[in-house]
Protein backbone atom coordinates (compact mmCIF):
# COMPACT_ATOMS: atom_id res chain seq x y z
CA MET A 1 -160.80 -7.39 74.79
CA GLU A 2 -160.97 -10.86 76.32
CA ALA A 3 -163.87 -13.29 76.05
CA VAL A 4 -164.77 -16.71 77.40
CA ILE A 5 -167.01 -18.75 75.11
CA ARG A 6 -169.09 -21.36 76.88
CA SER A 7 -170.96 -24.39 75.61
CA VAL A 8 -170.40 -23.97 71.86
CA LYS A 9 -168.37 -26.25 69.61
CA ILE A 10 -167.36 -26.33 65.97
CA ALA A 11 -169.39 -29.13 64.38
CA GLY A 12 -168.03 -29.01 60.85
CA MET A 13 -166.29 -27.05 58.08
CA GLN A 14 -166.65 -27.05 54.31
CA GLY A 15 -164.74 -25.04 51.72
CA ALA A 16 -165.70 -24.06 48.17
CA VAL A 17 -163.40 -22.63 45.50
CA PRO A 18 -163.67 -21.94 41.76
CA PRO A 19 -161.95 -24.44 39.46
CA HIS A 20 -160.01 -21.73 37.64
CA ARG A 21 -156.34 -21.67 38.64
CA HIS A 22 -154.22 -18.61 37.91
CA SER A 23 -150.48 -18.60 38.48
CA PHE A 24 -148.26 -15.55 38.22
CA VAL A 25 -145.37 -17.99 37.81
CA GLU A 26 -146.91 -19.11 34.51
CA THR A 27 -148.18 -15.71 33.29
CA PRO A 28 -146.06 -14.49 30.34
CA GLY A 29 -144.71 -10.97 30.58
CA LEU A 30 -145.70 -10.27 34.18
CA PHE A 31 -142.43 -11.39 35.79
CA THR A 32 -139.18 -12.84 34.60
CA GLN A 33 -138.62 -16.44 35.65
CA GLU A 34 -136.06 -15.29 38.19
CA GLU A 35 -138.50 -12.77 39.67
CA ALA A 36 -141.29 -15.38 39.77
CA ASP A 37 -139.05 -17.86 41.55
CA LYS A 38 -138.14 -15.27 44.18
CA ILE A 39 -141.78 -14.32 44.79
CA TYR A 40 -142.77 -17.96 45.11
CA ALA A 41 -139.93 -18.61 47.57
CA SER A 42 -140.98 -15.61 49.67
CA THR A 43 -144.77 -15.83 49.60
CA GLY A 44 -145.17 -19.60 49.23
CA ILE A 45 -147.91 -18.90 46.65
CA HIS A 46 -147.83 -20.64 43.29
CA SER A 47 -151.43 -20.34 42.11
CA ARG A 48 -154.77 -18.87 43.17
CA ARG A 49 -158.40 -19.63 42.39
CA ILE A 50 -160.28 -16.88 40.55
CA LEU A 51 -164.08 -16.70 40.51
CA PRO A 52 -165.86 -15.81 37.22
CA LYS A 53 -167.34 -12.32 37.22
CA HIS A 54 -170.97 -13.48 37.04
CA LEU A 55 -170.64 -15.16 40.46
CA CYS A 56 -170.12 -13.61 43.90
CA ALA A 57 -168.35 -14.57 47.11
CA SER A 58 -171.75 -15.41 48.55
CA ASP A 59 -172.22 -18.10 45.88
CA MET A 60 -169.12 -19.93 47.06
CA CYS A 61 -170.38 -19.72 50.64
CA ILE A 62 -173.83 -20.96 49.64
CA ALA A 63 -172.29 -23.96 47.84
CA ALA A 64 -170.15 -24.71 50.90
CA ALA A 65 -173.08 -24.33 53.30
CA GLN A 66 -175.43 -26.52 51.26
CA THR A 67 -172.82 -29.28 51.15
CA LEU A 68 -172.02 -28.97 54.85
CA LEU A 69 -175.68 -29.10 55.90
CA LYS A 70 -176.11 -32.33 53.93
CA ARG A 71 -172.95 -33.88 55.36
CA LEU A 72 -174.01 -33.00 58.91
CA ASP A 73 -177.60 -34.13 58.22
CA TRP A 74 -178.82 -30.77 59.49
CA ASP A 75 -182.21 -29.62 58.29
CA PRO A 76 -181.87 -25.96 57.23
CA SER A 77 -184.87 -25.17 59.43
CA SER A 78 -182.76 -26.10 62.47
CA VAL A 79 -180.22 -23.29 61.92
CA ASP A 80 -180.84 -20.34 64.24
CA VAL A 81 -177.99 -17.97 63.35
CA LEU A 82 -176.20 -17.07 60.11
CA ILE A 83 -173.27 -14.66 59.96
CA TYR A 84 -171.77 -13.73 56.60
CA VAL A 85 -168.22 -12.41 56.80
CA SER A 86 -167.11 -10.62 53.65
CA GLN A 87 -165.77 -7.38 52.23
CA ASP A 88 -167.61 -8.21 48.99
CA ALA A 89 -171.33 -7.90 49.65
CA ASP A 90 -173.74 -8.73 46.81
CA TYR A 91 -175.37 -5.29 47.03
CA ALA A 92 -175.04 -2.03 48.95
CA LEU A 93 -178.48 -2.93 50.32
CA PRO A 94 -179.83 -5.32 51.58
CA ALA A 95 -177.47 -7.27 53.81
CA THR A 96 -176.28 -10.36 51.93
CA ALA A 97 -177.03 -12.54 54.96
CA CYS A 98 -180.74 -11.81 54.51
CA LEU A 99 -180.62 -13.14 50.94
CA MET A 100 -178.64 -16.16 52.11
CA GLN A 101 -181.32 -17.00 54.65
CA HIS A 102 -183.77 -17.41 51.78
CA ARG A 103 -181.35 -19.23 49.49
CA LEU A 104 -180.48 -21.81 52.14
CA GLY A 105 -184.05 -22.24 53.35
CA LEU A 106 -183.37 -21.14 56.92
CA PRO A 107 -186.38 -20.32 59.11
CA GLN A 108 -187.67 -16.76 59.30
CA SER A 109 -186.90 -16.88 63.03
CA ALA A 110 -183.15 -17.06 62.24
CA ALA A 111 -180.90 -14.14 63.17
CA CYS A 112 -178.84 -13.23 60.08
CA LEU A 113 -176.28 -10.45 59.70
CA ASP A 114 -173.24 -9.33 57.75
CA VAL A 115 -169.80 -8.64 59.23
CA SER A 116 -167.57 -6.58 56.92
CA LEU A 117 -164.23 -7.69 58.31
CA GLY A 118 -161.44 -9.31 56.34
CA CYS A 119 -158.45 -11.17 57.74
CA SER A 120 -159.73 -11.32 61.35
CA GLY A 121 -163.35 -11.92 60.36
CA PHE A 122 -163.53 -15.68 60.91
CA VAL A 123 -162.45 -15.40 64.55
CA TYR A 124 -164.73 -12.43 65.22
CA ALA A 125 -167.75 -14.12 63.65
CA THR A 126 -167.14 -17.40 65.50
CA TRP A 127 -167.19 -15.45 68.76
CA ILE A 128 -170.28 -13.41 67.80
CA ALA A 129 -172.24 -16.49 66.68
CA SER A 130 -171.25 -18.36 69.85
CA GLN A 131 -172.43 -15.50 72.05
CA LEU A 132 -175.72 -15.31 70.15
CA LEU A 133 -176.30 -19.01 70.79
CA ASN A 134 -175.36 -18.63 74.44
CA SER A 135 -177.76 -15.77 75.05
CA SER A 136 -180.76 -17.22 73.22
CA SER A 137 -182.77 -20.36 72.61
CA GLY A 138 -180.66 -21.07 69.52
CA GLN A 139 -178.83 -24.37 69.06
CA ARG A 140 -177.09 -24.11 65.69
CA ALA A 141 -175.25 -21.45 63.70
CA LEU A 142 -173.52 -21.05 60.36
CA VAL A 143 -170.49 -18.79 59.94
CA LEU A 144 -169.94 -18.15 56.23
CA CYS A 145 -166.66 -16.48 55.24
CA GLY A 146 -165.93 -15.52 51.64
CA ASP A 147 -164.15 -12.90 49.59
CA THR A 148 -163.31 -12.23 45.96
CA SER A 149 -160.14 -10.34 46.74
CA SER A 150 -158.84 -10.82 43.19
CA ARG A 151 -161.40 -8.29 41.95
CA HIS A 152 -159.79 -5.50 43.95
CA LEU A 153 -156.44 -5.80 42.17
CA LEU A 154 -154.98 -3.72 39.37
CA PRO A 155 -154.00 -6.07 36.54
CA ASP A 156 -150.48 -4.60 36.39
CA ASP A 157 -149.86 -4.31 40.14
CA ARG A 158 -146.91 -6.61 40.59
CA GLY A 159 -147.02 -6.14 44.36
CA THR A 160 -150.52 -7.51 44.97
CA LEU A 161 -151.48 -9.58 41.93
CA PRO A 162 -149.58 -12.74 42.98
CA LEU A 163 -151.03 -12.74 46.51
CA PHE A 164 -154.82 -12.86 46.57
CA GLY A 165 -157.32 -15.55 45.61
CA ASP A 166 -161.04 -16.24 45.94
CA ALA A 167 -162.71 -18.75 48.28
CA GLY A 168 -165.70 -19.36 50.53
CA VAL A 169 -166.01 -21.53 53.64
CA ALA A 170 -168.92 -22.59 55.83
CA THR A 171 -168.39 -23.39 59.51
CA ALA A 172 -171.13 -24.98 61.60
CA LEU A 173 -171.43 -24.24 65.32
CA GLN A 174 -173.45 -26.31 67.78
CA TYR A 175 -174.58 -25.47 71.30
CA ASP A 176 -173.39 -28.16 73.72
CA GLU A 177 -173.62 -27.46 77.44
CA ASN A 178 -170.96 -30.10 78.16
CA TRP A 179 -168.36 -28.66 75.78
CA PRO A 180 -165.28 -27.12 77.44
CA ASN A 181 -164.78 -23.36 77.40
CA SER A 182 -163.05 -21.56 74.55
CA TYR A 183 -160.99 -18.41 75.05
CA ALA A 184 -160.65 -15.42 72.72
CA VAL A 185 -158.76 -12.13 72.58
CA PHE A 186 -159.49 -9.26 70.18
CA GLY A 187 -158.05 -5.87 69.28
CA THR A 188 -158.38 -2.95 66.87
CA ASP A 189 -156.17 -0.05 65.80
CA GLY A 190 -157.79 2.15 63.19
CA THR A 191 -154.63 4.18 62.66
CA GLY A 192 -153.53 1.35 60.36
CA GLY A 193 -156.60 1.51 58.18
CA GLN A 194 -154.75 3.28 55.37
CA HIS A 195 -152.25 0.45 54.88
CA ILE A 196 -154.70 -2.14 53.45
CA ALA A 197 -157.48 -0.22 51.78
CA VAL A 198 -159.82 0.16 48.85
CA LYS A 199 -160.54 3.88 48.90
CA ALA A 200 -163.52 4.11 46.58
CA GLY A 201 -166.91 2.42 46.77
CA GLY A 202 -168.25 3.71 50.07
CA ARG A 203 -169.77 7.07 50.85
CA ARG A 204 -166.49 8.97 51.37
CA VAL A 205 -165.40 8.27 47.81
CA PRO A 206 -168.51 7.08 45.96
CA ASN A 207 -168.19 5.39 42.61
CA MET A 208 -171.85 5.88 41.68
CA PRO A 209 -172.39 7.47 38.25
CA GLU A 210 -173.00 11.20 38.14
CA LEU A 211 -175.51 13.06 35.98
CA GLU A 212 -172.57 14.90 34.45
CA PRO A 213 -169.97 12.60 32.84
CA ARG A 214 -166.62 12.40 34.61
CA SER A 215 -163.49 13.55 32.85
CA LYS A 216 -160.93 10.97 31.71
CA GLU A 217 -158.69 12.03 34.59
CA GLU A 218 -161.50 11.58 37.11
CA GLU A 219 -162.39 8.17 35.66
CA LEU A 220 -158.77 7.06 35.87
CA GLN A 221 -158.49 8.24 39.46
CA LEU A 222 -161.71 6.44 40.41
CA TYR A 223 -160.49 3.29 38.66
CA GLN A 224 -157.29 3.36 40.71
CA ASP A 225 -159.06 4.23 43.97
CA SER A 226 -161.41 1.28 43.46
CA ARG A 227 -158.46 -1.13 43.63
CA LEU A 228 -156.49 -2.44 46.57
CA SER A 229 -153.71 -0.33 48.07
CA LEU A 230 -151.33 -2.45 50.18
CA ASN A 231 -148.33 -1.27 52.20
CA GLY A 232 -146.41 -4.51 52.64
CA ALA A 233 -143.77 -3.06 54.96
CA ALA A 234 -146.42 -1.66 57.29
CA VAL A 235 -148.30 -4.98 57.31
CA PHE A 236 -145.12 -6.84 58.23
CA SER A 237 -144.28 -4.38 61.01
CA PHE A 238 -147.82 -4.53 62.41
CA THR A 239 -147.87 -8.33 62.35
CA LEU A 240 -144.61 -8.73 64.27
CA LYS A 241 -145.67 -6.08 66.78
CA VAL A 242 -149.20 -7.29 67.51
CA VAL A 243 -149.59 -10.98 66.73
CA PRO A 244 -146.95 -12.52 69.05
CA LYS A 245 -148.56 -10.60 71.92
CA LEU A 246 -151.98 -11.79 70.73
CA ILE A 247 -150.78 -15.39 70.94
CA LYS A 248 -149.24 -14.79 74.37
CA ASP A 249 -152.38 -13.08 75.73
CA THR A 250 -154.70 -15.79 74.42
CA LEU A 251 -152.57 -18.53 76.00
CA ALA A 252 -152.60 -16.60 79.29
CA LEU A 253 -156.38 -16.23 79.19
CA ALA A 254 -156.76 -19.98 78.60
CA LYS A 255 -154.16 -20.62 81.33
CA ILE A 256 -152.13 -23.00 79.19
CA GLU A 257 -148.65 -23.11 77.69
CA ALA A 258 -147.96 -23.23 73.96
CA ASP A 259 -146.88 -26.87 74.33
CA SER A 260 -150.49 -27.75 75.22
CA LEU A 261 -151.68 -26.73 71.76
CA ASP A 262 -152.00 -29.41 69.12
CA MET A 263 -152.13 -26.95 66.21
CA VAL A 264 -151.93 -23.23 65.44
CA VAL A 265 -153.69 -21.92 62.32
CA MET A 266 -153.24 -18.21 61.66
CA HIS A 267 -154.51 -16.08 58.79
CA GLN A 268 -152.62 -17.18 55.69
CA ALA A 269 -151.14 -13.81 54.74
CA ASN A 270 -147.96 -15.05 53.11
CA GLN A 271 -145.25 -17.55 53.95
CA PHE A 272 -142.60 -14.95 54.78
CA ILE A 273 -144.80 -13.24 57.36
CA LEU A 274 -146.04 -16.51 58.83
CA GLU A 275 -142.54 -17.94 59.24
CA HIS A 276 -141.28 -14.82 61.00
CA LEU A 277 -144.37 -14.83 63.19
CA ARG A 278 -143.91 -18.49 64.10
CA LYS A 279 -140.31 -17.96 65.13
CA LYS A 280 -141.06 -14.84 67.14
CA ALA A 281 -143.96 -16.56 68.90
CA GLN A 282 -141.79 -19.69 69.40
CA VAL A 283 -144.37 -22.11 68.02
CA PRO A 284 -142.94 -25.48 66.85
CA ALA A 285 -143.08 -25.96 63.07
CA ASP A 286 -144.96 -29.26 63.38
CA LYS A 287 -147.78 -27.50 65.25
CA TYR A 288 -148.06 -24.53 62.89
CA LEU A 289 -149.94 -24.68 59.60
CA ILE A 290 -148.74 -22.77 56.53
CA ASP A 291 -150.85 -23.46 53.45
CA MET A 292 -150.25 -20.84 50.77
CA LYS A 293 -149.24 -22.68 47.61
CA ASP A 294 -152.60 -23.50 45.98
CA PHE A 295 -154.89 -20.68 47.13
CA GLY A 296 -152.88 -17.63 48.18
CA ASN A 297 -154.33 -15.12 50.63
CA THR A 298 -158.11 -15.63 50.73
CA SER A 299 -158.85 -12.97 53.36
CA SER A 300 -161.67 -13.95 55.77
CA ALA A 301 -161.77 -17.54 54.44
CA SER A 302 -158.07 -18.31 54.88
CA VAL A 303 -158.11 -19.97 58.33
CA PRO A 304 -160.99 -22.40 57.77
CA LEU A 305 -159.87 -22.98 54.16
CA ALA A 306 -156.43 -24.09 55.36
CA ILE A 307 -158.11 -26.47 57.80
CA CYS A 308 -160.31 -27.91 55.06
CA HIS A 309 -157.30 -28.36 52.78
CA LYS A 310 -154.66 -29.74 55.12
CA LEU A 311 -156.27 -30.96 58.36
CA THR A 312 -159.00 -33.26 57.10
CA ASP A 313 -157.76 -36.37 58.89
CA PHE A 314 -156.47 -34.39 61.87
CA PHE A 315 -159.91 -33.16 62.91
CA SER A 316 -161.95 -36.18 61.84
CA HIS A 317 -160.23 -38.30 64.50
CA GLY A 318 -159.97 -37.32 68.16
CA THR A 319 -160.30 -33.98 69.90
CA HIS A 320 -157.55 -31.38 69.52
CA LYS A 321 -156.82 -28.10 71.27
CA VAL A 322 -156.07 -25.45 68.67
CA MET A 323 -155.43 -21.76 68.30
CA LEU A 324 -157.10 -19.98 65.37
CA GLY A 325 -156.05 -16.41 64.65
CA GLY A 326 -156.64 -13.58 62.22
CA PHE A 327 -154.91 -10.26 61.69
CA GLY A 328 -154.75 -7.55 59.08
CA VAL A 329 -157.03 -5.00 57.44
CA GLY A 330 -158.32 -2.47 59.91
CA TRP A 331 -155.92 -2.94 61.76
CA SER A 332 -157.95 -5.73 63.33
CA TRP A 333 -156.87 -8.91 65.10
CA GLY A 334 -158.25 -11.79 67.12
CA ALA A 335 -157.43 -15.30 68.27
CA ILE A 336 -159.36 -18.13 69.84
CA ILE A 337 -158.24 -21.27 71.67
CA THR A 338 -160.81 -24.02 71.36
CA ASP A 339 -161.21 -27.78 71.23
CA ILE A 340 -162.20 -29.24 67.84
CA GLY A 341 -163.11 -32.79 66.87
CA PRO A 342 -163.98 -35.32 66.02
CA ILE A 343 -166.00 -33.67 63.25
CA VAL A 344 -167.17 -34.59 59.76
CA ALA A 345 -163.95 -34.47 57.75
CA PRO A 346 -163.37 -30.90 56.48
CA GLU A 347 -163.08 -30.82 52.70
CA ILE A 348 -163.07 -28.49 49.68
CA ILE A 349 -165.38 -28.63 46.67
CA GLU A 350 -165.20 -26.73 43.39
CA ILE A 351 -168.08 -24.43 42.46
CA GLN A 352 -168.82 -24.71 38.75
CA ASP A 353 -169.43 -21.80 36.39
CA ASP A 354 -173.11 -22.73 35.96
CA PHE A 355 -173.83 -22.51 39.68
CA GLU A 356 -177.22 -20.82 40.09
CA PRO A 357 -176.61 -17.35 41.60
CA LEU A 358 -180.25 -16.80 42.64
CA ALA A 359 -179.60 -13.12 43.18
CA LEU A 360 -183.24 -12.44 44.20
CA ILE A 361 -183.00 -8.85 43.00
CA GLN A 362 -183.75 -8.18 39.35
CA GLN A 363 -180.66 -7.13 37.40
């Protein structure tokens, strides 16, 4: 699907990560030094940030949003839309976005909803929030992307453990009738759903306790089904098949050539995939951001987190035409070409262990 986004601009970005760094390179017994060096060379990941278990992805997003609102000098009562993008909701019910509305002090007139997408979620939510502003009296929106992907991993899964980290990012959108159009392309192929999946936890494979105790075998199976299953070869094949065409189609919709882009920021899956993708899409290295070393794959947060980490000065001075893209779990993909800047310098803060969760539901 193609979409033209009118009169909405990105006004600011703010990341939030836990202070706790975990590195498979430095974990005794997990890999030999030779194996660790090879994984680092391939993935580009050295360490990840891991959130303590008493906090949720929403807490990182709340910390990021509170900081961003202050830096923009936006009163929370002026925010009309909040979209929370995460595969790690606080509860089965209610929607986490509803709780976030209260925590941030947004008005009761605000439209707030969850989007349970992963790698493509930032692009999807930016489009959804923009369309909500365009079709309403709203002027301002927050897109909050956060995941605790590390909690889906088996502690002895050598294939996934080095890859995924935790992060949350807030992006502010502003209605501006004079802002140039943005262009977006989206796609979905559910036949790939099995290749990046957590089988248990929904209604097909519930992990709710039963009246009758489960056997040890059933508990073990549920434990394994509650963790991430990742088919790396299928992900690589999908990426090289779909994403170059996504880039080509988005450029065609915007009626520009790749040379007109100042920067391309795709979902930070891993360095190996991103390098192959860049070469196949023929994007110059100096216009293509790869930022894996310090955070790993942070799912829905990866695109704005990379911007907050590496493009602070880039976006705080001048206006730049950029492509932002996401691809992965689903299969789901999307890209947007938009102008950004100058904006309040994107940055990353650390959320401390004593951050107040304010869960709002009695434990």
